[in-house]
Structures are given as structure tokens and as C-alpha cells.
Amino acid sequence: MRSLPLAFFLSVAAAQAGADCVCRCVDGAVEAVCTNALDLRPVCPPAVCPVPPPRVEPIGPPTLPPIGTTRCRPEQVLNSASGRYEWRQLCR
């Protein structure tokens, strides 16, 4: 009976650990967007994304990529609430 609370705790912890990554349309294709570079990326199901507007990248200050990534650059990410693409800094 002691293993039941432990199993519940581990399942809740696993669900929360993956909650920092979501599947979004980025530059017209579905990919995982995570808030932490060390998070495990989920496998995103195929989806049809709207065509992004023409690329005119905003000019921003140079930044160092976070630990676990090699580069950061601005990319267009679909905002599911507004249905429009927004520029976001994504690191890989």
C-alpha cells in the first residue's frame, strides 16, 4: 500500500515536468517550444499551420544562449489565443 502514494507522486511529477513544453506553429511548421533548454521535447502530432507573414526579422541586442542551447534567433510563433504570428526569441 505504500507504493500507491509514491506512484501517484511520480505520475504527478512527470506530468508537471513535461508541462513546460508545448507544440506550436513556428514559421509554418509544428514544433515543440520549451521554456527550459533541459526539458524533454514532446513528439508533436502533425498539424496544418497557417502560412506565416513575410519574414522581416526585428533587430535585437545580441544575447548569449542559455545553458544547453547553441544559438538563439527570432522566429514567428503562432499565438493560439489571437490566431496571429508573433516574433519570439527561440533557442536551440
C-alpha atoms as a PDB file:
ATOM      1  CA  MET A   1       0.000   0.000   0.000  1.00  0.00           C
ATOM      2  CA  ARG A   2       2.936   2.359   0.498  1.00  0.00           C
ATOM      3  CA  SER A   3       3.789   2.165  -3.201  1.00  0.00           C
ATOM      4  CA  LEU A   4       0.431   3.678  -4.240  1.00  0.00           C
ATOM      5  CA  PRO A   5       1.183   7.204  -2.877  1.00  0.00           C
ATOM      6  CA  LEU A   6       4.687   7.006  -4.349  1.00  0.00           C
ATOM      7  CA  ALA A   7       3.321   6.030  -7.777  1.00  0.00           C
ATOM      8  CA  PHE A   8       0.805   8.892  -7.622  1.00  0.00           C
ATOM      9  CA  PHE A   9       3.540  11.385  -6.688  1.00  0.00           C
ATOM     10  CA  LEU A  10       5.799  10.196  -9.505  1.00  0.00           C
ATOM     11  CA  SER A  11       2.997  10.416 -12.083  1.00  0.00           C
ATOM     12  CA  VAL A  12       2.128  13.979 -10.988  1.00  0.00           C
ATOM     13  CA  ALA A  13       5.806  14.983 -11.046  1.00  0.00           C
ATOM     14  CA  ALA A  14       6.232  13.523 -14.537  1.00  0.00           C
ATOM     15  CA  ALA A  15       3.173  15.394 -15.799  1.00  0.00           C
ATOM     16  CA  GLN A  16       4.450  18.674 -14.357  1.00  0.00           C
ATOM     17  CA  ALA A  17       7.947  18.138 -15.760  1.00  0.00           C
ATOM     18  CA  GLY A  18       6.590  17.988 -19.323  1.00  0.00           C
ATOM     19  CA  ALA A  19       4.249  20.946 -18.807  1.00  0.00           C
ATOM     20  CA  ASP A  20       6.947  23.454 -19.805  1.00  0.00           C
ATOM     21  CA  CYS A  21       6.910  22.344 -23.463  1.00  0.00           C
ATOM     22  CA  VAL A  22       4.040  22.917 -25.875  1.00  0.00           C
ATOM     23  CA  CYS A  23       3.558  22.205 -29.566  1.00  0.00           C
ATOM     24  CA  ARG A  24       3.183  25.432 -31.584  1.00  0.00           C
ATOM     25  CA  CYS A  25       3.307  26.531 -35.196  1.00  0.00           C
ATOM     26  CA  VAL A  26       6.738  28.084 -35.762  1.00  0.00           C
ATOM     27  CA  ASP A  27       7.418  29.596 -39.183  1.00  0.00           C
ATOM     28  CA  GLY A  28       4.596  27.496 -40.669  1.00  0.00           C
ATOM     29  CA  ALA A  29       5.586  24.122 -39.148  1.00  0.00           C
ATOM     30  CA  VAL A  30       4.654  22.415 -35.860  1.00  0.00           C
ATOM     31  CA  GLU A  31       7.475  22.054 -33.337  1.00  0.00           C
ATOM     32  CA  ALA A  32       7.932  21.816 -29.581  1.00  0.00           C
ATOM     33  CA  VAL A  33       8.588  25.118 -27.817  1.00  0.00           C
ATOM     34  CA  CYS A  34      10.047  24.746 -24.311  1.00  0.00           C
ATOM     35  CA  THR A  35      10.658  27.293 -21.576  1.00  0.00           C
ATOM     36  CA  ASN A  36      13.765  25.441 -20.366  1.00  0.00           C
ATOM     37  CA  ALA A  37      16.530  24.097 -22.602  1.00  0.00           C
ATOM     38  CA  LEU A  38      16.851  20.972 -20.453  1.00  0.00           C
ATOM     39  CA  ASP A  39      13.179  19.930 -20.774  1.00  0.00           C
ATOM     40  CA  LEU A  40      12.373  16.822 -22.790  1.00  0.00           C
ATOM     41  CA  ARG A  41      10.703  17.849 -26.035  1.00  0.00           C
ATOM     42  CA  PRO A  42       7.404  16.065 -26.772  1.00  0.00           C
ATOM     43  CA  VAL A  43       6.649  14.478 -30.122  1.00  0.00           C
ATOM     44  CA  CYS A  44       4.230  16.893 -31.768  1.00  0.00           C
ATOM     45  CA  PRO A  45       1.355  15.479 -33.816  1.00  0.00           C
ATOM     46  CA  PRO A  46       1.168  16.605 -37.443  1.00  0.00           C
ATOM     47  CA  ALA A  47      -0.988  19.684 -37.953  1.00  0.00           C
ATOM     48  CA  VAL A  48      -1.763  22.243 -40.623  1.00  0.00           C
ATOM     49  CA  CYS A  49      -0.331  25.643 -39.710  1.00  0.00           C
ATOM     50  CA  PRO A  50      -1.374  28.946 -41.251  1.00  0.00           C
ATOM     51  CA  VAL A  51       1.112  30.485 -43.640  1.00  0.00           C
ATOM     52  CA  PRO A  52       3.327  32.947 -41.749  1.00  0.00           C
ATOM     53  CA  PRO A  53       3.645  36.522 -42.998  1.00  0.00           C
ATOM     54  CA  PRO A  54       6.807  37.537 -44.891  1.00  0.00           C
ATOM     55  CA  ARG A  55       9.963  37.428 -42.773  1.00  0.00           C
ATOM     56  CA  VAL A  56      11.347  40.750 -41.678  1.00  0.00           C
ATOM     57  CA  GLU A  57      13.229  39.892 -38.512  1.00  0.00           C
ATOM     58  CA  PRO A  58      13.280  42.525 -35.795  1.00  0.00           C
ATOM     59  CA  ILE A  59      16.716  43.802 -34.809  1.00  0.00           C
ATOM     60  CA  GLY A  60      17.509  42.985 -31.216  1.00  0.00           C
ATOM     61  CA  PRO A  61      20.508  43.191 -28.931  1.00  0.00           C
ATOM     62  CA  PRO A  62      22.961  40.282 -29.068  1.00  0.00           C
ATOM     63  CA  THR A  63      22.454  37.761 -26.267  1.00  0.00           C
ATOM     64  CA  LEU A  64      24.219  34.659 -25.032  1.00  0.00           C
ATOM     65  CA  PRO A  65      22.220  31.447 -25.481  1.00  0.00           C
ATOM     66  CA  PRO A  66      21.044  29.712 -22.267  1.00  0.00           C
ATOM     67  CA  ILE A  67      22.833  26.616 -20.974  1.00  0.00           C
ATOM     68  CA  GLY A  68      22.016  23.587 -23.119  1.00  0.00           C
ATOM     69  CA  THR A  69      21.483  25.559 -26.335  1.00  0.00           C
ATOM     70  CA  THR A  70      23.838  26.653 -29.085  1.00  0.00           C
ATOM     71  CA  ARG A  71      22.037  29.567 -30.703  1.00  0.00           C
ATOM     72  CA  CYS A  72      19.046  31.868 -30.345  1.00  0.00           C
ATOM     73  CA  ARG A  73      17.197  33.710 -33.076  1.00  0.00           C
ATOM     74  CA  PRO A  74      13.858  35.440 -33.556  1.00  0.00           C
ATOM     75  CA  GLU A  75      11.174  33.247 -35.126  1.00  0.00           C
ATOM     76  CA  GLN A  76       7.483  33.673 -35.845  1.00  0.00           C
ATOM     77  CA  VAL A  77       5.310  31.659 -33.424  1.00  0.00           C
ATOM     78  CA  LEU A  78       1.544  31.299 -33.790  1.00  0.00           C
ATOM     79  CA  ASN A  79      -0.342  32.698 -30.795  1.00  0.00           C
ATOM     80  CA  SER A  80      -3.245  30.288 -30.326  1.00  0.00           C
ATOM     81  CA  ALA A  81      -5.297  32.916 -28.465  1.00  0.00           C
ATOM     82  CA  SER A  82      -5.157  35.579 -31.184  1.00  0.00           C
ATOM     83  CA  GLY A  83      -4.576  33.334 -34.225  1.00  0.00           C
ATOM     84  CA  ARG A  84      -1.709  35.582 -35.352  1.00  0.00           C
ATOM     85  CA  TYR A  85       2.021  35.055 -35.635  1.00  0.00           C
ATOM     86  CA  GLU A  86       4.256  36.888 -33.137  1.00  0.00           C
ATOM     87  CA  TRP A  87       8.032  37.277 -33.060  1.00  0.00           C
ATOM     88  CA  ARG A  88       9.636  35.296 -30.214  1.00  0.00           C
ATOM     89  CA  GLN A  89      13.272  34.568 -29.339  1.00  0.00           C
ATOM     90  CA  LEU A  90      13.719  30.765 -29.640  1.00  0.00           C
ATOM     91  CA  CYS A  91      16.886  28.968 -28.579  1.00  0.00           C
ATOM     92  CA  ARG A  92      18.012  25.558 -29.800  1.00  0.00           C
END
